[in-house]
Amino acid sequence: MMNLQDSFLNHVRKENLPVVIYLVNGFQLRGLVRGFDNFTVIIENEGKQQLVYKHAVSTISPVANITIMQPEKAEKKE
């Protein structure tokens, strides 16, 4: 099962939904998520790509609200 972070990033990537990435130093990056892994996010703006380390990211805000559906964990019977 995909975690919430991966589901969010995958959704904005697939939908080409612009995001604002706020870094821990206060800097803002705007653009489209082109790819990601466990440690990094590739963002593209005006034809230029940047590799951003996730440990430097504070917040990622999409320009529009999104809905991510995740299957609920099966309840254990006692």
PDB file of N, CA and C in Angstrom:
ATOM      1  N   MET A   1       0.836  -1.184   0.000  1.00  0.00           N
ATOM      2  CA  MET A   1       0.000   0.000   0.000  1.00  0.00           C
ATOM      3  C   MET A   1       0.884   1.252   0.000  1.00  0.00           C
ATOM      4  N   MET A   2       0.517   2.230  -0.802  1.00  0.00           N
ATOM      5  CA  MET A   2       1.258   3.470  -0.913  1.00  0.00           C
ATOM      6  C   MET A   2       0.945   4.360   0.294  1.00  0.00           C
ATOM      7  N   ASN A   3       1.974   5.030   0.835  1.00  0.00           N
ATOM      8  CA  ASN A   3       1.730   5.907   1.977  1.00  0.00           C
ATOM      9  C   ASN A   3       1.132   7.239   1.521  1.00  0.00           C
ATOM     10  N   LEU A   4       0.681   8.037   2.463  1.00  0.00           N
ATOM     11  CA  LEU A   4      -0.012   9.284   2.155  1.00  0.00           C
ATOM     12  C   LEU A   4       0.884  10.259   1.394  1.00  0.00           C
ATOM     13  N   GLN A   5       2.136  10.363   1.801  1.00  0.00           N
ATOM     14  CA  GLN A   5       3.076  11.255   1.125  1.00  0.00           C
ATOM     15  C   GLN A   5       3.229  10.870  -0.344  1.00  0.00           C
ATOM     16  N   ASP A   6       3.436   9.597  -0.607  1.00  0.00           N
ATOM     17  CA  ASP A   6       3.595   9.139  -1.985  1.00  0.00           C
ATOM     18  C   ASP A   6       2.302   9.310  -2.779  1.00  0.00           C
ATOM     19  N   SER A   7       1.163   9.040  -2.139  1.00  0.00           N
ATOM     20  CA  SER A   7      -0.128   9.219  -2.814  1.00  0.00           C
ATOM     21  C   SER A   7      -0.333  10.676  -3.214  1.00  0.00           C
ATOM     22  N   PHE A   8      -0.009  11.592  -2.314  1.00  0.00           N
ATOM     23  CA  PHE A   8      -0.142  13.025  -2.581  1.00  0.00           C
ATOM     24  C   PHE A   8       0.762  13.445  -3.740  1.00  0.00           C
ATOM     25  N   LEU A   9       2.040  13.108  -3.644  1.00  0.00           N
ATOM     26  CA  LEU A   9       2.989  13.506  -4.688  1.00  0.00           C
ATOM     27  C   LEU A   9       2.642  12.867  -6.029  1.00  0.00           C
ATOM     28  N   ASN A  10       2.226  11.621  -6.020  1.00  0.00           N
ATOM     29  CA  ASN A  10       1.858  10.938  -7.253  1.00  0.00           C
ATOM     30  C   ASN A  10       0.630  11.584  -7.888  1.00  0.00           C
ATOM     31  N   HIS A  11      -0.332  11.993  -7.062  1.00  0.00           N
ATOM     32  CA  HIS A  11      -1.546  12.631  -7.581  1.00  0.00           C
ATOM     33  C   HIS A  11      -1.219  13.967  -8.255  1.00  0.00           C
ATOM     34  N   VAL A  12      -0.458  14.828  -7.582  1.00  0.00           N
ATOM     35  CA  VAL A  12      -0.145  16.134  -8.190  1.00  0.00           C
ATOM     36  C   VAL A  12       0.739  15.963  -9.425  1.00  0.00           C
ATOM     37  N   ARG A  13       1.572  14.916  -9.434  1.00  0.00           N
ATOM     38  CA  ARG A  13       2.411  14.637 -10.610  1.00  0.00           C
ATOM     39  C   ARG A  13       1.551  14.206 -11.788  1.00  0.00           C
ATOM     40  N   LYS A  14       0.680  13.217 -11.566  1.00  0.00           N
ATOM     41  CA  LYS A  14      -0.156  12.693 -12.652  1.00  0.00           C
ATOM     42  C   LYS A  14      -1.114  13.739 -13.205  1.00  0.00           C
ATOM     43  N   GLU A  15      -1.656  14.593 -12.338  1.00  0.00           N
ATOM     44  CA  GLU A  15      -2.639  15.601 -12.746  1.00  0.00           C
ATOM     45  C   GLU A  15      -1.993  16.897 -13.231  1.00  0.00           C
ATOM     46  N   ASN A  16      -0.655  16.954 -13.249  1.00  0.00           N
ATOM     47  CA  ASN A  16       0.066  18.180 -13.620  1.00  0.00           C
ATOM     48  C   ASN A  16      -0.460  19.387 -12.849  1.00  0.00           C
ATOM     49  N   LEU A  17      -0.671  19.186 -11.569  1.00  0.00           N
ATOM     50  CA  LEU A  17      -1.205  20.227 -10.703  1.00  0.00           C
ATOM     51  C   LEU A  17      -0.048  21.036 -10.113  1.00  0.00           C
ATOM     52  N   PRO A  18       0.013  22.333 -10.401  1.00  0.00           N
ATOM     53  CA  PRO A  18       1.108  23.150  -9.850  1.00  0.00           C
ATOM     54  C   PRO A  18       1.090  23.144  -8.318  1.00  0.00           C
ATOM     55  N   VAL A  19       2.282  23.200  -7.745  1.00  0.00           N
ATOM     56  CA  VAL A  19       2.435  23.230  -6.294  1.00  0.00           C
ATOM     57  C   VAL A  19       3.387  24.354  -5.901  1.00  0.00           C
ATOM     58  N   VAL A  20       3.284  24.743  -4.640  1.00  0.00           N
ATOM     59  CA  VAL A  20       4.275  25.621  -4.027  1.00  0.00           C
ATOM     60  C   VAL A  20       4.949  24.784  -2.953  1.00  0.00           C
ATOM     61  N   ILE A  21       6.272  24.669  -3.043  1.00  0.00           N
ATOM     62  CA  ILE A  21       7.042  23.950  -2.033  1.00  0.00           C
ATOM     63  C   ILE A  21       7.713  24.991  -1.147  1.00  0.00           C
ATOM     64  N   TYR A  22       7.379  24.957   0.136  1.00  0.00           N
ATOM     65  CA  TYR A  22       7.988  25.855   1.113  1.00  0.00           C
ATOM     66  C   TYR A  22       9.149  25.111   1.763  1.00  0.00           C
ATOM     67  N   LEU A  23      10.327  25.692   1.699  1.00  0.00           N
ATOM     68  CA  LEU A  23      11.499  25.071   2.299  1.00  0.00           C
ATOM     69  C   LEU A  23      11.643  25.525   3.749  1.00  0.00           C
ATOM     70  N   VAL A  24      12.427  24.787   4.528  1.00  0.00           N
ATOM     71  CA  VAL A  24      12.600  25.111   5.941  1.00  0.00           C
ATOM     72  C   VAL A  24      13.273  26.469   6.142  1.00  0.00           C
ATOM     73  N   ASN A  25      14.002  26.957   5.134  1.00  0.00           N
ATOM     74  CA  ASN A  25      14.639  28.272   5.242  1.00  0.00           C
ATOM     75  C   ASN A  25      13.709  29.406   4.806  1.00  0.00           C
ATOM     76  N   GLY A  26      12.451  29.080   4.472  1.00  0.00           N
ATOM     77  CA  GLY A  26      11.478  30.090   4.082  1.00  0.00           C
ATOM     78  C   GLY A  26      11.370  30.317   2.588  1.00  0.00           C
ATOM     79  N   PHE A  27      12.296  29.787   1.816  1.00  0.00           N
ATOM     80  CA  PHE A  27      12.275  29.957   0.361  1.00  0.00           C
ATOM     81  C   PHE A  27      11.098  29.184  -0.226  1.00  0.00           C
ATOM     82  N   GLN A  28      10.541  29.707  -1.319  1.00  0.00           N
ATOM     83  CA  GLN A  28       9.418  29.051  -1.992  1.00  0.00           C
ATOM     84  C   GLN A  28       9.821  28.627  -3.400  1.00  0.00           C
ATOM     85  N   LEU A  29       9.425  27.425  -3.772  1.00  0.00           N
ATOM     86  CA  LEU A  29       9.617  26.929  -5.129  1.00  0.00           C
ATOM     87  C   LEU A  29       8.242  26.638  -5.709  1.00  0.00           C
ATOM     88  N   ARG A  30       7.998  27.094  -6.927  1.00  0.00           N
ATOM     89  CA  ARG A  30       6.711  26.862  -7.584  1.00  0.00           C
ATOM     90  C   ARG A  30       6.950  26.051  -8.842  1.00  0.00           C
ATOM     91  N   GLY A  31       6.028  25.141  -9.125  1.00  0.00           N
ATOM     92  CA  GLY A  31       6.157  24.374 -10.353  1.00  0.00           C
ATOM     93  C   GLY A  31       5.369  23.083 -10.310  1.00  0.00           C
ATOM     94  N   LEU A  32       5.755  22.182 -11.207  1.00  0.00           N
ATOM     95  CA  LEU A  32       5.104  20.883 -11.337  1.00  0.00           C
ATOM     96  C   LEU A  32       6.030  19.797 -10.802  1.00  0.00           C
ATOM     97  N   VAL A  33       5.465  18.858 -10.064  1.00  0.00           N
ATOM     98  CA  VAL A  33       6.239  17.713  -9.590  1.00  0.00           C
ATOM     99  C   VAL A  33       6.427  16.772 -10.774  1.00  0.00           C
ATOM    100  N   ARG A  34       7.673  16.489 -11.117  1.00  0.00           N
ATOM    101  CA  ARG A  34       7.982  15.600 -12.240  1.00  0.00           C
ATOM    102  C   ARG A  34       8.388  14.206 -11.789  1.00  0.00           C
ATOM    103  N   GLY A  35       8.811  14.088 -10.544  1.00  0.00           N
ATOM    104  CA  GLY A  35       9.196  12.786 -10.020  1.00  0.00           C
ATOM    105  C   GLY A  35       9.593  12.914  -8.562  1.00  0.00           C
ATOM    106  N   PHE A  36       9.701  11.769  -7.885  1.00  0.00           N
ATOM    107  CA  PHE A  36      10.092  11.767  -6.475  1.00  0.00           C
ATOM    108  C   PHE A  36      10.543  10.372  -6.085  1.00  0.00           C
ATOM    109  N   ASP A  37      11.318  10.324  -5.016  1.00  0.00           N
ATOM    110  CA  ASP A  37      11.687   9.047  -4.419  1.00  0.00           C
ATOM    111  C   ASP A  37      11.657   9.232  -2.903  1.00  0.00           C
ATOM    112  N   ASN A  38      12.310   8.356  -2.173  1.00  0.00           N
ATOM    113  CA  ASN A  38      12.269   8.444  -0.711  1.00  0.00           C
ATOM    114  C   ASN A  38      12.921   9.704  -0.160  1.00  0.00           C
ATOM    115  N   PHE A  39      13.857  10.288  -0.913  1.00  0.00           N
ATOM    116  CA  PHE A  39      14.644  11.394  -0.373  1.00  0.00           C
ATOM    117  C   PHE A  39      14.523  12.700  -1.135  1.00  0.00           C
ATOM    118  N   THR A  40      14.020  12.668  -2.366  1.00  0.00           N
ATOM    119  CA  THR A  40      14.034  13.863  -3.204  1.00  0.00           C
ATOM    120  C   THR A  40      12.732  14.048  -3.977  1.00  0.00           C
ATOM    121  N   VAL A  41      12.540  15.291  -4.452  1.00  0.00           N
ATOM    122  CA  VAL A  41      11.429  15.636  -5.339  1.00  0.00           C
ATOM    123  C   VAL A  41      12.019  16.430  -6.495  1.00  0.00           C
ATOM    124  N   ILE A  42      11.622  16.113  -7.720  1.00  0.00           N
ATOM    125  CA  ILE A  42      12.022  16.915  -8.877  1.00  0.00           C
ATOM    126  C   ILE A  42      10.852  17.815  -9.226  1.00  0.00           C
ATOM    127  N   ILE A  43      11.123  19.122  -9.264  1.00  0.00           N
ATOM    128  CA  ILE A  43      10.096  20.102  -9.595  1.00  0.00           C
ATOM    129  C   ILE A  43      10.544  20.856 -10.841  1.00  0.00           C
ATOM    130  N   GLU A  44       9.585  21.149 -11.725  1.00  0.00           N
ATOM    131  CA  GLU A  44       9.888  21.851 -12.975  1.00  0.00           C
ATOM    132  C   GLU A  44       9.102  23.151 -13.037  1.00  0.00           C
ATOM    133  N   ASN A  45       9.804  24.220 -13.427  1.00  0.00           N
ATOM    134  CA  ASN A  45       9.170  25.525 -13.596  1.00  0.00           C
ATOM    135  C   ASN A  45       9.851  26.236 -14.758  1.00  0.00           C
ATOM    136  N   GLU A  46       9.060  26.700 -15.707  1.00  0.00           N
ATOM    137  CA  GLU A  46       9.551  27.420 -16.888  1.00  0.00           C
ATOM    138  C   GLU A  46      10.639  26.638 -17.621  1.00  0.00           C
ATOM    139  N   GLY A  47      10.426  25.330 -17.741  1.00  0.00           N
ATOM    140  CA  GLY A  47      11.346  24.487 -18.489  1.00  0.00           C
ATOM    141  C   GLY A  47      12.607  24.085 -17.750  1.00  0.00           C
ATOM    142  N   LYS A  48      12.767  24.537 -16.522  1.00  0.00           N
ATOM    143  CA  LYS A  48      13.956  24.187 -15.734  1.00  0.00           C
ATOM    144  C   LYS A  48      13.551  23.267 -14.597  1.00  0.00           C
ATOM    145  N   GLN A  49      14.397  22.272 -14.345  1.00  0.00           N
ATOM    146  CA  GLN A  49      14.120  21.312 -13.282  1.00  0.00           C
ATOM    147  C   GLN A  49      15.059  21.532 -12.106  1.00  0.00           C
ATOM    148  N   GLN A  50      14.531  21.260 -10.909  1.00  0.00           N
ATOM    149  CA  GLN A  50      15.332  21.329  -9.692  1.00  0.00           C
ATOM    150  C   GLN A  50      15.106  20.056  -8.892  1.00  0.00           C
ATOM    151  N   LEU A  51      16.177  19.527  -8.346  1.00  0.00           N
ATOM    152  CA  LEU A  51      16.112  18.382  -7.448  1.00  0.00           C
ATOM    153  C   LEU A  51      16.143  18.936  -6.027  1.00  0.00           C
ATOM    154  N   VAL A  52      15.090  18.675  -5.267  1.00  0.00           N
ATOM    155  CA  VAL A  52      14.962  19.209  -3.911  1.00  0.00           C
ATOM    156  C   VAL A  52      15.001  18.045  -2.932  1.00  0.00           C
ATOM    157  N   TYR A  53      15.844  18.163  -1.917  1.00  0.00           N
ATOM    158  CA  TYR A  53      15.899  17.127  -0.893  1.00  0.00           C
ATOM    159  C   TYR A  53      14.727  17.291   0.068  1.00  0.00           C
ATOM    160  N   LYS A  54      14.026  16.201   0.345  1.00  0.00           N
ATOM    161  CA  LYS A  54      12.831  16.263   1.188  1.00  0.00           C
ATOM    162  C   LYS A  54      13.128  16.790   2.587  1.00  0.00           C
ATOM    163  N   HIS A  55      14.339  16.554   3.105  1.00  0.00           N
ATOM    164  CA  HIS A  55      14.632  17.050   4.454  1.00  0.00           C
ATOM    165  C   HIS A  55      14.662  18.574   4.503  1.00  0.00           C
ATOM    166  N   ALA A  56      14.732  19.233   3.334  1.00  0.00           N
ATOM    167  CA  ALA A  56      14.717  20.693   3.265  1.00  0.00           C
ATOM    168  C   ALA A  56      13.304  21.243   3.093  1.00  0.00           C
ATOM    169  N   VAL A  57      12.310  20.358   2.917  1.00  0.00           N
ATOM    170  CA  VAL A  57      10.929  20.780   2.651  1.00  0.00           C
ATOM    171  C   VAL A  57      10.150  20.885   3.957  1.00  0.00           C
ATOM    172  N   SER A  58       9.440  22.004   4.096  1.00  0.00           N
ATOM    173  CA  SER A  58       8.545  22.198   5.230  1.00  0.00           C
ATOM    174  C   SER A  58       7.118  21.809   4.855  1.00  0.00           C
ATOM    175  N   THR A  59       6.635  22.352   3.718  1.00  0.00           N
ATOM    176  CA  THR A  59       5.240  22.184   3.314  1.00  0.00           C
ATOM    177  C   THR A  59       5.142  22.137   1.799  1.00  0.00           C
ATOM    178  N   ILE A  60       4.196  21.347   1.280  1.00  0.00           N
ATOM    179  CA  ILE A  60       3.885  21.357  -0.149  1.00  0.00           C
ATOM    180  C   ILE A  60       2.405  21.675  -0.284  1.00  0.00           C
ATOM    181  N   SER A  61       2.104  22.777  -0.988  1.00  0.00           N
ATOM    182  CA  SER A  61       0.714  23.212  -1.167  1.00  0.00           C
ATOM    183  C   SER A  61       0.325  23.157  -2.631  1.00  0.00           C
ATOM    184  N   PRO A  62      -0.692  22.365  -2.976  1.00  0.00           N
ATOM    185  CA  PRO A  62      -1.191  22.376  -4.355  1.00  0.00           C
ATOM    186  C   PRO A  62      -2.021  23.635  -4.585  1.00  0.00           C
ATOM    187  N   VAL A  63      -2.122  24.069  -5.854  1.00  0.00           N
ATOM    188  CA  VAL A  63      -2.894  25.276  -6.158  1.00  0.00           C
ATOM    189  C   VAL A  63      -4.392  25.044  -6.000  1.00  0.00           C
ATOM    190  N   ALA A  64      -4.824  23.796  -6.005  1.00  0.00           N
ATOM    191  CA  ALA A  64      -6.238  23.459  -5.816  1.00  0.00           C
ATOM    192  C   ALA A  64      -6.320  22.309  -4.817  1.00  0.00           C
ATOM    193  N   ASN A  65      -7.429  22.244  -4.106  1.00  0.00           N
ATOM    194  CA  ASN A  65      -7.627  21.139  -3.171  1.00  0.00           C
ATOM    195  C   ASN A  65      -7.699  19.818  -3.927  1.00  0.00           C
ATOM    196  N   ILE A  66      -7.176  18.772  -3.298  1.00  0.00           N
ATOM    197  CA  ILE A  66      -7.226  17.449  -3.903  1.00  0.00           C
ATOM    198  C   ILE A  66      -7.853  16.475  -2.911  1.00  0.00           C
ATOM    199  N   THR A  67      -8.355  15.373  -3.436  1.00  0.00           N
ATOM    200  CA  THR A  67      -8.906  14.310  -2.604  1.00  0.00           C
ATOM    201  C   THR A  67      -8.130  13.041  -2.902  1.00  0.00           C
ATOM    202  N   ILE A  68      -7.590  12.467  -1.859  1.00  0.00           N
ATOM    203  CA  ILE A  68      -6.835  11.223  -2.010  1.00  0.00           C
ATOM    204  C   ILE A  68      -7.598  10.136  -1.281  1.00  0.00           C
ATOM    205  N   MET A  69      -7.988   9.125  -2.026  1.00  0.00           N
ATOM    206  CA  MET A  69      -8.710   8.005  -1.433  1.00  0.00           C
ATOM    207  C   MET A  69      -7.714   6.904  -1.103  1.00  0.00           C
ATOM    208  N   GLN A  70      -7.697   6.497   0.160  1.00  0.00           N
ATOM    209  CA  GLN A  70      -6.839   5.396   0.569  1.00  0.00           C
ATOM    210  C   GLN A  70      -7.704   4.296   1.161  1.00  0.00           C
ATOM    211  N   PRO A  71      -7.444   3.061   0.771  1.00  0.00           N
ATOM    212  CA  PRO A  71      -8.230   1.968   1.348  1.00  0.00           C
ATOM    213  C   PRO A  71      -7.977   1.873   2.849  1.00  0.00           C
ATOM    214  N   GLU A  72      -9.044   1.664   3.605  1.00  0.00           N
ATOM    215  CA  GLU A  72      -8.902   1.534   5.051  1.00  0.00           C
ATOM    216  C   GLU A  72      -8.327   0.167   5.375  1.00  0.00           C
ATOM    217  N   LYS A  73      -7.561   0.132   6.453  1.00  0.00           N
ATOM    218  CA  LYS A  73      -6.970  -1.133   6.874  1.00  0.00           C
ATOM    219  C   LYS A  73      -8.069  -2.081   7.336  1.00  0.00           C
ATOM    220  N   ALA A  74      -7.904  -3.320   6.999  1.00  0.00           N
ATOM    221  CA  ALA A  74      -8.892  -4.330   7.410  1.00  0.00           C
ATOM    222  C   ALA A  74      -8.895  -4.444   8.931  1.00  0.00           C
ATOM    223  N   GLU A  75     -10.087  -4.493   9.491  1.00  0.00           N
ATOM    224  CA  GLU A  75     -10.201  -4.617  10.941  1.00  0.00           C
ATOM    225  C   GLU A  75      -9.904  -6.053  11.347  1.00  0.00           C
ATOM    226  N   LYS A  76      -9.201  -6.167  12.473  1.00  0.00           N
ATOM    227  CA  LYS A  76      -8.879  -7.498  12.985  1.00  0.00           C
ATOM    228  C   LYS A  76     -10.026  -7.996  13.851  1.00  0.00           C
ATOM    229  N   LYS A  77     -10.402  -9.253  13.645  1.00  0.00           N
ATOM    230  CA  LYS A  77     -11.440  -9.864  14.478  1.00  0.00           C
ATOM    231  C   LYS A  77     -10.770 -10.597  15.625  1.00  0.00           C
ATOM    232  N   GLU A  78     -11.363 -10.463  16.796  1.00  0.00           N
ATOM    233  CA  GLU A  78     -10.789 -11.134  17.971  1.00  0.00           C
ATOM    234  C   GLU A  78     -11.423 -12.477  18.197  1.00  0.00           C
TER     235      GLU A  78
END
